[in-house]
Amino acid sequence: MSDMIFKPLEFRTLKVKNRVFRSNMSGRFDNYDGSGNPARINWETRFARGGVGAVISSFVPVHGRGRILPNYAMMDADDKIPFWREVGKRVHEFDCRFILQLSHGGRQRDITGIEYPESWSSTSKPDPLHGFEARAMTENEIGQVVQQFGQAAQRAQQAGLDGVELHGANGYLITQFLSSAINDRKDGYGGQLENRARFLLEIVRSIRQRCGRDFHLQMKISATENNNAMVLREERGNTIADSVQVCKWLETEGVDAIHVSNGSYFPHPRNPAGDLPVDEFLRVYDSMISSGTKTLRNFLILRNDLTGRLFKRQWEKERGTVIEGLNLPDSAAIKQAVSIPVICTGGFQTASVIRAAISSGQCDAVSIARPLIANPDLVKMFERGLDRPPVPCTYCNKCLVTVVENPLGCYDETRFITREAMIRDIMSVFDPPPYK
């Protein structure tokens, strides 16, 4: 087809039928022990059915200490392989590839659970926004986590999945090592950029040692961190120049693609860019008050009319005016520096914007999260000739706030005929049920 969106994308060892990826987005669909269940399968296959070329899984912890919320399916042991094999099998039925996102939250954990109350990180400093506390990892512990990533990738390969993505963005553990604003280590894993990237590069080498050179491996990176967006006294963190160098090292080590994002914590004014739904935030944030030293402060700030307005005003100022294609300038800079494909995320839901981004050489593909929650068949709409869905995503961000307590789905009532219709859509992830 002449339409750039539907031109297949060829990586070194993987071919994807079009240029639209379902980006990673996480929901509490699974069992407390990290085993998966049918709701997760229904969730992932929804987007494969809707026409995306590849699904990047939700945040998949490589170890229980690395999960950000309970009820996330993990890849921490061999007994998880059969479940993920079934997920991949179901996604493949729609000629869609499935890439498992290997993740570790480090200090950025919303609700820790009972097994691992202590968080590990590159630093012993709590994060500046929520006050999530952590302890700086020893070199022995760093080695353990490096091997956990390698073992998880090997399990994904054994499950017949199409590849893995390292979640090195948005403030999670790999970011905590990469970031000049977070990493305050004085040993060989801190200081200059080469040392801060050592943890990541050791993970890549562990995966290549276990899985060989032909298993697809990509990396998600916060190209510009904007670490001081909401806490102005903090350092800005890594710049695009820093990230370009990291991506060059990743290509040299055999990484097959770069996935470009933004922000050194999550949520962040520029990721996901959009509204800060204060009322919904207050309804669920009480679940996190005991998680950090600053969570109660944040709750009280947002509950007060004056301080809540000031907080939201700062959020909107740092967000800026661009939502769709927010990360394209960073993506273009990375694409100019490497020869491997570059995927860009950032609120995409307009076919002409996606075509222009690809044809201009700013990226090779886009990844989409919220607009696909709103319209899971978005790609099929593009196939029918629509430039934009009739009822587009409003970037209200209610989906990503309410997920702390509720199923992931679209919570913008203005997009539905009735509230009941919205609830039916949210609950549809549980259909078909595990048994009848």
Protein backbone atom coordinates (compact mmCIF):
# COMPACT_ATOMS: atom_id res chain seq x y z
CA MET A 1 0.00 0.00 0.00
CA SER A 2 1.18 3.55 -0.67
CA ASP A 3 0.05 4.74 2.75
CA MET A 4 3.17 5.02 4.89
CA ILE A 5 1.24 3.95 8.00
CA PHE A 6 0.63 0.52 6.46
CA LYS A 7 4.07 -0.06 5.02
CA PRO A 8 5.67 -2.99 6.91
CA LEU A 9 8.53 -2.11 9.23
CA GLU A 10 11.54 -4.40 9.12
CA PHE A 11 13.88 -4.60 12.07
CA ARG A 12 17.04 -6.69 11.94
CA THR A 13 15.22 -9.95 12.80
CA LEU A 14 11.57 -8.92 13.07
CA LYS A 15 8.96 -7.68 10.59
CA VAL A 16 5.86 -5.75 11.70
CA LYS A 17 2.91 -5.33 9.32
CA ASN A 18 2.39 -1.59 9.89
CA ARG A 19 3.84 1.40 11.69
CA VAL A 20 1.48 1.59 14.68
CA PHE A 21 2.50 -0.08 17.96
CA ARG A 22 0.30 -0.38 21.03
CA SER A 23 2.46 1.32 23.64
CA ASN A 24 2.93 -0.14 27.09
CA MET A 25 0.10 0.72 29.46
CA SER A 26 -0.48 -1.08 32.69
CA GLY A 27 -3.56 -2.22 34.50
CA ARG A 28 -4.17 -4.30 37.61
CA PHE A 29 -5.66 -7.24 35.71
CA ASP A 30 -3.68 -10.13 37.14
CA ASN A 31 -3.25 -12.14 40.33
CA TYR A 32 -1.48 -10.88 43.43
CA ASP A 33 1.34 -13.42 43.08
CA GLY A 34 2.27 -12.15 39.62
CA SER A 35 0.60 -14.94 37.67
CA GLY A 36 -1.56 -13.89 34.75
CA ASN A 37 -5.23 -14.42 34.13
CA PRO A 38 -7.70 -14.22 31.21
CA ALA A 39 -8.42 -10.52 31.72
CA ARG A 40 -4.82 -9.78 30.69
CA ILE A 41 -5.22 -11.93 27.59
CA ASN A 42 -8.46 -10.14 26.70
CA TRP A 43 -6.76 -6.80 27.21
CA GLU A 44 -3.73 -7.47 25.01
CA THR A 45 -5.71 -9.14 22.22
CA ARG A 46 -8.19 -6.24 22.08
CA PHE A 47 -5.59 -4.09 20.36
CA ALA A 48 -4.26 -6.85 18.13
CA ARG A 49 -7.84 -7.31 16.92
CA GLY A 50 -8.03 -3.56 16.35
CA GLY A 51 -5.24 -3.67 13.79
CA VAL A 52 -2.00 -2.53 15.44
CA GLY A 53 1.17 -4.02 14.01
CA ALA A 54 2.65 -4.90 17.38
CA VAL A 55 1.63 -4.85 21.02
CA ILE A 56 4.23 -3.76 23.57
CA SER A 57 3.07 -5.39 26.77
CA SER A 58 2.14 -3.63 29.94
CA PHE A 59 4.90 -3.09 32.56
CA VAL A 60 6.16 -6.63 33.32
CA PRO A 61 8.38 -6.85 36.42
CA VAL A 62 11.43 -9.10 36.26
CA HIS A 63 11.18 -9.58 40.03
CA GLY A 64 8.59 -8.98 42.73
CA ARG A 65 10.66 -6.16 44.19
CA GLY A 66 10.34 -4.35 40.89
CA ARG A 67 6.58 -4.18 40.58
CA ILE A 68 4.91 -0.78 40.93
CA LEU A 69 1.52 -2.13 41.99
CA PRO A 70 0.20 -5.54 43.02
CA ASN A 71 -1.75 -7.54 40.44
CA TYR A 72 0.72 -7.11 37.60
CA ALA A 73 1.72 -10.25 35.71
CA MET A 74 5.47 -10.83 36.04
CA MET A 75 8.21 -12.78 34.26
CA ASP A 76 10.20 -13.60 37.37
CA ALA A 77 10.17 -17.41 37.20
CA ASP A 78 9.81 -20.26 34.72
CA ASP A 79 6.28 -20.98 35.86
CA LYS A 80 5.19 -17.73 34.17
CA ILE A 81 6.26 -18.94 30.72
CA PRO A 82 3.05 -20.87 29.84
CA PHE A 83 0.85 -17.85 30.51
CA TRP A 84 2.89 -15.51 28.35
CA ARG A 85 3.09 -18.19 25.65
CA GLU A 86 -0.72 -18.16 25.55
CA VAL A 87 -0.80 -14.35 25.38
CA GLY A 88 1.60 -14.39 22.44
CA LYS A 89 -0.36 -17.14 20.71
CA ARG A 90 -3.60 -15.18 20.99
CA VAL A 91 -2.02 -11.94 19.75
CA HIS A 92 -0.40 -13.76 16.82
CA GLU A 93 -3.82 -14.89 15.61
CA PHE A 94 -4.32 -11.34 14.34
CA ASP A 95 -0.98 -11.16 12.48
CA CYS A 96 0.29 -8.96 15.27
CA ARG A 97 3.66 -9.16 16.98
CA PHE A 98 3.99 -9.24 20.78
CA ILE A 99 6.94 -7.57 22.55
CA LEU A 100 7.29 -8.11 26.30
CA GLN A 101 8.34 -5.02 28.23
CA LEU A 102 10.84 -6.03 30.92
CA SER A 103 10.61 -3.63 33.83
CA HIS A 104 11.72 -2.81 37.34
CA GLY A 105 10.26 0.07 39.33
CA GLY A 106 13.22 0.66 41.62
CA ARG A 107 12.16 3.35 44.08
CA GLN A 108 9.17 4.33 41.95
CA ARG A 109 6.55 1.98 43.39
CA ASP A 110 3.02 3.24 44.01
CA ILE A 111 1.98 0.39 46.34
CA THR A 112 4.76 -1.95 47.40
CA GLY A 113 2.87 -5.02 48.57
CA ILE A 114 3.80 -7.17 51.54
CA GLU A 115 6.76 -9.20 50.28
CA TYR A 116 9.33 -6.51 49.49
CA PRO A 117 8.74 -3.38 51.57
CA GLU A 118 12.24 -2.04 50.80
CA SER A 119 12.87 -0.51 47.38
CA TRP A 120 16.22 -0.66 45.63
CA SER A 121 17.59 2.15 43.49
CA SER A 122 20.75 3.84 42.27
CA THR A 123 20.32 6.23 45.18
CA SER A 124 19.15 6.37 48.78
CA LYS A 125 17.38 9.67 48.14
CA PRO A 126 13.57 9.54 48.08
CA ASP A 127 12.00 10.73 44.85
CA PRO A 128 11.20 14.46 45.04
CA LEU A 129 7.54 14.34 44.00
CA HIS A 130 6.01 11.53 46.08
CA GLY A 131 8.83 10.82 48.50
CA PHE A 132 9.11 7.13 47.58
CA GLU A 133 12.01 5.91 49.71
CA ALA A 134 14.78 3.55 48.64
CA ARG A 135 18.21 2.21 49.43
CA ALA A 136 21.14 2.45 47.05
CA MET A 137 21.90 -0.98 45.67
CA THR A 138 25.18 -2.71 46.39
CA GLU A 139 27.23 -3.91 43.44
CA ASN A 140 26.19 -7.47 44.29
CA GLU A 141 22.52 -6.46 44.17
CA ILE A 142 23.07 -4.69 40.86
CA GLY A 143 24.49 -7.93 39.50
CA GLN A 144 21.42 -9.82 40.73
CA VAL A 145 19.04 -7.47 38.92
CA VAL A 146 21.12 -7.57 35.73
CA GLN A 147 20.73 -11.35 35.74
CA GLN A 148 17.01 -11.08 36.48
CA PHE A 149 16.55 -9.02 33.30
CA GLY A 150 18.57 -11.57 31.32
CA GLN A 151 16.60 -14.50 32.73
CA ALA A 152 13.28 -12.78 32.03
CA ALA A 153 14.29 -12.15 28.40
CA GLN A 154 15.26 -15.79 28.02
CA ARG A 155 11.83 -16.83 29.34
CA ALA A 156 10.17 -14.50 26.84
CA GLN A 157 12.15 -16.17 24.08
CA GLN A 158 11.15 -19.62 25.35
CA ALA A 159 7.52 -18.47 25.39
CA GLY A 160 7.70 -17.79 21.66
CA LEU A 161 7.29 -14.04 21.99
CA ASP A 162 8.64 -11.75 19.29
CA GLY A 163 11.03 -9.74 21.39
CA VAL A 164 11.50 -7.70 24.53
CA GLU A 165 11.67 -4.03 25.39
CA LEU A 166 13.69 -2.63 28.28
CA HIS A 167 11.71 -0.01 30.18
CA GLY A 168 14.44 2.57 30.61
CA ALA A 169 12.11 5.57 30.73
CA ASN A 170 9.69 7.49 32.94
CA GLY A 171 11.58 7.25 36.22
CA TYR A 172 11.82 3.49 36.69
CA LEU A 173 15.00 1.71 37.77
CA ILE A 174 17.02 2.01 34.57
CA THR A 175 16.20 5.73 34.48
CA GLN A 176 17.30 6.00 38.09
CA PHE A 177 20.76 4.83 37.00
CA LEU A 178 20.92 6.80 33.74
CA SER A 179 19.72 10.11 35.16
CA SER A 180 22.23 12.78 36.16
CA ALA A 181 19.55 14.22 38.45
CA ILE A 182 18.85 10.98 40.33
CA ASN A 183 22.05 8.92 40.30
CA ASP A 184 24.37 10.22 43.03
CA ARG A 185 26.63 7.16 43.26
CA LYS A 186 30.39 7.52 43.73
CA ASP A 187 31.35 4.08 42.40
CA GLY A 188 31.61 2.70 38.87
CA TYR A 189 27.85 3.01 38.34
CA GLY A 190 27.68 6.76 39.01
CA GLY A 191 29.24 10.03 37.98
CA GLN A 192 29.91 10.51 34.27
CA LEU A 193 27.39 9.31 31.69
CA GLU A 194 29.40 6.24 30.71
CA ASN A 195 29.29 5.01 34.31
CA ARG A 196 25.58 5.82 34.69
CA ALA A 197 24.88 3.78 31.56
CA ARG A 198 26.88 0.79 32.81
CA PHE A 199 23.88 -0.87 34.51
CA LEU A 200 21.82 -0.66 31.32
CA LEU A 201 24.60 -1.93 29.07
CA GLU A 202 25.25 -4.86 31.41
CA ILE A 203 21.57 -5.77 31.13
CA VAL A 204 21.81 -5.68 27.33
CA ARG A 205 24.89 -7.93 27.41
CA SER A 206 23.16 -10.36 29.78
CA ILE A 207 20.20 -10.62 27.40
CA ARG A 208 22.40 -11.11 24.35
CA GLN A 209 24.44 -13.76 26.17
CA ARG A 210 21.30 -15.72 27.03
CA CYS A 211 19.16 -15.10 23.94
CA GLY A 212 21.69 -14.67 21.16
CA ARG A 213 21.84 -11.91 18.57
CA ASP A 214 18.65 -12.85 16.70
CA PHE A 215 16.09 -12.19 19.42
CA HIS A 216 14.56 -8.73 19.01
CA LEU A 217 15.59 -6.28 21.74
CA GLN A 218 14.53 -2.66 21.97
CA MET A 219 14.92 0.08 24.56
CA LYS A 220 12.48 2.73 25.79
CA ILE A 221 14.22 5.90 26.92
CA SER A 222 13.20 9.27 28.35
CA ALA A 223 15.17 11.29 25.84
CA THR A 224 14.76 14.54 27.79
CA GLU A 225 14.09 14.09 31.49
CA ASN A 226 12.71 17.48 32.62
CA ASN A 227 13.29 16.26 36.16
CA ASN A 228 12.65 19.69 37.69
CA ALA A 229 9.20 20.18 36.15
CA MET A 230 7.29 20.12 39.46
CA VAL A 231 10.11 20.49 42.01
CA LEU A 232 12.05 23.48 40.73
CA ARG A 233 15.00 23.04 43.09
CA GLU A 234 15.80 19.68 41.48
CA GLU A 235 18.30 19.31 38.67
CA ARG A 236 16.97 19.09 35.13
CA GLY A 237 18.51 15.68 34.46
CA ASN A 238 19.57 14.14 31.17
CA THR A 239 19.33 16.15 27.98
CA ILE A 240 18.75 14.94 24.45
CA ALA A 241 22.51 15.06 23.88
CA ASP A 242 23.01 12.61 26.76
CA SER A 243 20.34 10.30 25.40
CA VAL A 244 21.73 10.40 21.86
CA GLN A 245 25.04 9.11 23.22
CA VAL A 246 23.31 6.37 25.22
CA CYS A 247 21.42 5.29 22.10
CA LYS A 248 24.68 5.08 20.13
CA TRP A 249 26.11 2.78 22.82
CA LEU A 250 22.93 0.69 22.74
CA GLU A 251 23.20 0.24 18.98
CA THR A 252 26.82 -0.84 19.33
CA GLU A 253 25.75 -3.43 21.93
CA GLY A 254 23.19 -4.94 19.55
CA VAL A 255 19.91 -3.23 20.50
CA ASP A 256 17.51 -3.34 17.53
CA ALA A 257 15.33 -0.26 18.09
CA ILE A 258 14.84 2.80 20.29
CA HIS A 259 11.44 3.82 21.74
CA VAL A 260 11.42 7.54 22.57
CA SER A 261 9.54 8.96 25.57
CA ASN A 262 9.95 11.79 28.11
CA GLY A 263 10.13 12.53 31.84
CA SER A 264 12.11 11.20 34.80
CA TYR A 265 9.07 10.18 36.85
CA PHE A 266 5.51 9.07 36.22
CA PRO A 267 3.08 10.64 35.80
CA HIS A 268 4.87 13.73 34.53
CA PRO A 269 3.47 16.95 33.01
CA ARG A 270 4.93 15.94 29.64
CA ASN A 271 4.21 12.24 29.97
CA PRO A 272 1.40 11.60 29.51
CA ALA A 273 0.77 15.15 28.32
CA GLY A 274 -2.79 16.28 28.92
CA ASP A 275 -5.02 17.24 31.80
CA LEU A 276 -4.38 16.72 35.52
CA PRO A 277 -7.78 15.38 36.68
CA VAL A 278 -7.65 16.57 40.27
CA ASP A 279 -11.02 15.17 41.41
CA GLU A 280 -10.20 11.68 40.15
CA PHE A 281 -6.68 11.97 41.56
CA LEU A 282 -8.04 12.69 45.03
CA ARG A 283 -10.41 9.72 44.86
CA VAL A 284 -7.56 7.24 44.43
CA TYR A 285 -4.46 8.95 45.85
CA ASP A 286 -5.49 8.10 49.38
CA SER A 287 -4.43 4.52 48.54
CA MET A 288 -0.87 5.80 48.16
CA ILE A 289 -0.62 8.07 51.20
CA SER A 290 1.46 5.54 53.13
CA SER A 291 3.73 4.84 50.13
CA GLY A 292 5.90 7.95 50.30
CA THR A 293 7.01 10.68 52.66
CA LYS A 294 5.38 13.39 50.52
CA THR A 295 2.18 11.66 49.46
CA LEU A 296 0.09 13.09 52.30
CA ARG A 297 1.47 16.55 51.51
CA ASN A 298 0.46 16.14 47.85
CA PHE A 299 -3.01 14.97 48.82
CA LEU A 300 -3.55 18.01 51.06
CA ILE A 301 -2.15 20.39 48.44
CA LEU A 302 -4.56 19.13 45.79
CA ARG A 303 -7.53 19.02 48.15
CA ASN A 304 -7.14 22.72 48.98
CA ASP A 305 -8.72 24.97 46.36
CA LEU A 306 -5.92 27.55 46.28
CA THR A 307 -2.89 25.25 46.44
CA GLY A 308 -4.62 22.77 44.13
CA ARG A 309 -5.06 25.47 41.49
CA LEU A 310 -1.42 26.51 41.85
CA PHE A 311 -0.23 22.90 41.51
CA LYS A 312 -2.36 22.38 38.41
CA ARG A 313 -1.20 25.68 36.90
CA GLN A 314 2.44 24.61 37.28
CA TRP A 315 1.61 21.21 35.78
CA GLU A 316 -0.03 22.82 32.75
CA LYS A 317 2.83 25.29 32.32
CA GLU A 318 5.39 22.49 32.22
CA ARG A 319 3.19 20.40 29.93
CA GLY A 320 3.24 23.05 27.21
CA THR A 321 0.77 23.37 24.37
CA VAL A 322 1.76 20.38 22.21
CA ILE A 323 0.34 16.96 23.02
CA GLU A 324 0.21 14.94 19.80
CA GLY A 325 3.76 14.35 18.65
CA LEU A 326 5.31 15.96 21.72
CA ASN A 327 8.44 13.78 21.51
CA LEU A 328 9.06 14.10 17.77
CA PRO A 329 11.96 16.59 18.05
CA ASP A 330 13.82 14.20 20.37
CA SER A 331 12.92 11.26 18.18
CA ALA A 332 14.32 13.06 15.13
CA ALA A 333 17.58 13.81 16.94
CA ILE A 334 18.03 10.16 17.91
CA LYS A 335 17.09 8.92 14.45
CA GLN A 336 19.78 11.11 12.90
CA ALA A 337 22.36 9.57 15.24
CA VAL A 338 21.57 5.84 14.87
CA SER A 339 20.84 3.48 12.00
CA ILE A 340 18.33 1.28 13.85
CA PRO A 341 14.57 2.05 13.73
CA VAL A 342 13.13 4.64 16.11
CA ILE A 343 9.62 4.44 17.57
CA CYS A 344 8.07 7.60 19.00
CA THR A 345 5.29 7.83 21.56
CA GLY A 346 3.22 10.90 22.43
CA GLY A 347 -0.57 11.08 22.09
CA PHE A 348 -0.82 10.13 18.41
CA GLN A 349 -4.34 9.72 17.02
CA THR A 350 -4.34 11.60 13.69
CA ALA A 351 -3.33 9.67 10.57
CA SER A 352 -1.95 12.71 8.75
CA VAL A 353 0.26 13.59 11.75
CA ILE A 354 1.61 10.04 11.89
CA ARG A 355 2.27 9.96 8.14
CA ALA A 356 4.10 13.28 8.29
CA ALA A 357 6.24 12.14 11.23
CA ILE A 358 7.34 8.99 9.40
CA SER A 359 7.74 10.46 5.91
CA SER A 360 9.77 13.40 7.24
CA GLY A 361 12.21 11.01 8.91
CA GLN A 362 11.41 11.98 12.50
CA CYS A 363 10.63 8.36 13.37
CA ASP A 364 10.00 4.98 11.75
CA ALA A 365 6.84 4.14 13.71
CA VAL A 366 4.65 5.50 16.47
CA SER A 367 3.39 3.93 19.66
CA ILE A 368 -0.02 4.78 21.07
CA ALA A 369 -1.57 4.24 24.51
CA ARG A 370 -4.43 6.53 25.62
CA PRO A 371 -5.96 7.09 22.15
CA LEU A 372 -6.12 3.30 21.73
CA ILE A 373 -7.82 2.92 25.10
CA ALA A 374 -10.39 5.37 23.77
CA ASN A 375 -10.60 3.73 20.33
CA PRO A 376 -9.09 0.22 20.22
CA ASP A 377 -9.92 0.00 16.49
CA LEU A 378 -8.11 3.25 15.66
CA VAL A 379 -5.88 1.58 13.07
CA LYS A 380 -8.90 0.15 11.27
CA MET A 381 -10.36 3.65 11.21
CA PHE A 382 -7.20 4.79 9.44
CA GLU A 383 -7.61 1.89 7.00
CA ARG A 384 -11.12 3.12 6.20
CA GLY A 385 -9.72 6.53 5.33
CA LEU A 386 -10.52 8.45 8.50
CA ASP A 387 -7.89 10.97 9.52
CA ARG A 388 -9.09 11.10 13.13
CA PRO A 389 -11.63 9.07 15.12
CA PRO A 390 -15.16 10.52 15.33
CA VAL A 391 -14.91 10.47 19.15
CA PRO A 392 -11.22 11.07 19.84
CA CYS A 393 -9.28 10.74 23.06
CA THR A 394 -9.53 13.97 25.01
CA TYR A 395 -6.23 13.47 26.87
CA CYS A 396 -8.11 13.89 30.15
CA ASN A 397 -5.78 11.32 31.81
CA LYS A 398 -8.56 9.92 33.96
CA CYS A 399 -7.64 6.46 32.67
CA LEU A 400 -4.13 6.62 34.10
CA VAL A 401 -5.14 8.15 37.42
CA THR A 402 -7.98 5.82 38.31
CA VAL A 403 -5.95 2.71 37.49
CA VAL A 404 -4.43 2.76 40.99
CA GLU A 405 -7.71 1.29 42.24
CA ASN A 406 -9.87 0.50 39.19
CA PRO A 407 -9.65 -1.45 35.92
CA LEU A 408 -7.82 0.33 33.11
CA GLY A 409 -10.18 1.86 30.58
CA CYS A 410 -11.59 5.16 29.33
CA TYR A 411 -13.18 7.13 32.17
CA ASP A 412 -14.18 10.22 30.18
CA GLU A 413 -17.98 10.22 30.45
CA THR A 414 -18.25 12.87 27.73
CA ARG A 415 -17.22 10.22 25.19
CA PHE A 416 -20.15 7.93 26.01
CA ILE A 417 -23.90 8.21 25.64
CA THR A 418 -24.40 7.31 29.29
CA ARG A 419 -22.31 6.53 32.35
CA GLU A 420 -23.61 2.96 32.15
CA ALA A 421 -22.18 2.66 28.64
CA MET A 422 -18.80 3.82 29.94
CA ILE A 423 -18.86 1.23 32.73
CA ARG A 424 -19.76 -1.54 30.25
CA ASP A 425 -16.80 -0.56 28.09
CA ILE A 426 -14.41 -0.56 31.06
CA MET A 427 -15.64 -3.93 32.29
CA SER A 428 -15.51 -5.53 28.83
CA VAL A 429 -11.92 -6.61 29.55
CA PHE A 430 -13.41 -9.36 31.73
CA ASP A 431 -15.33 -10.81 28.78
CA PRO A 432 -14.98 -13.60 27.82
CA PRO A 433 -14.70 -14.91 31.38
CA PRO A 434 -12.14 -17.55 32.41
CA TYR A 435 -14.80 -20.24 32.38
CA LYS A 436 -18.49 -20.59 31.60
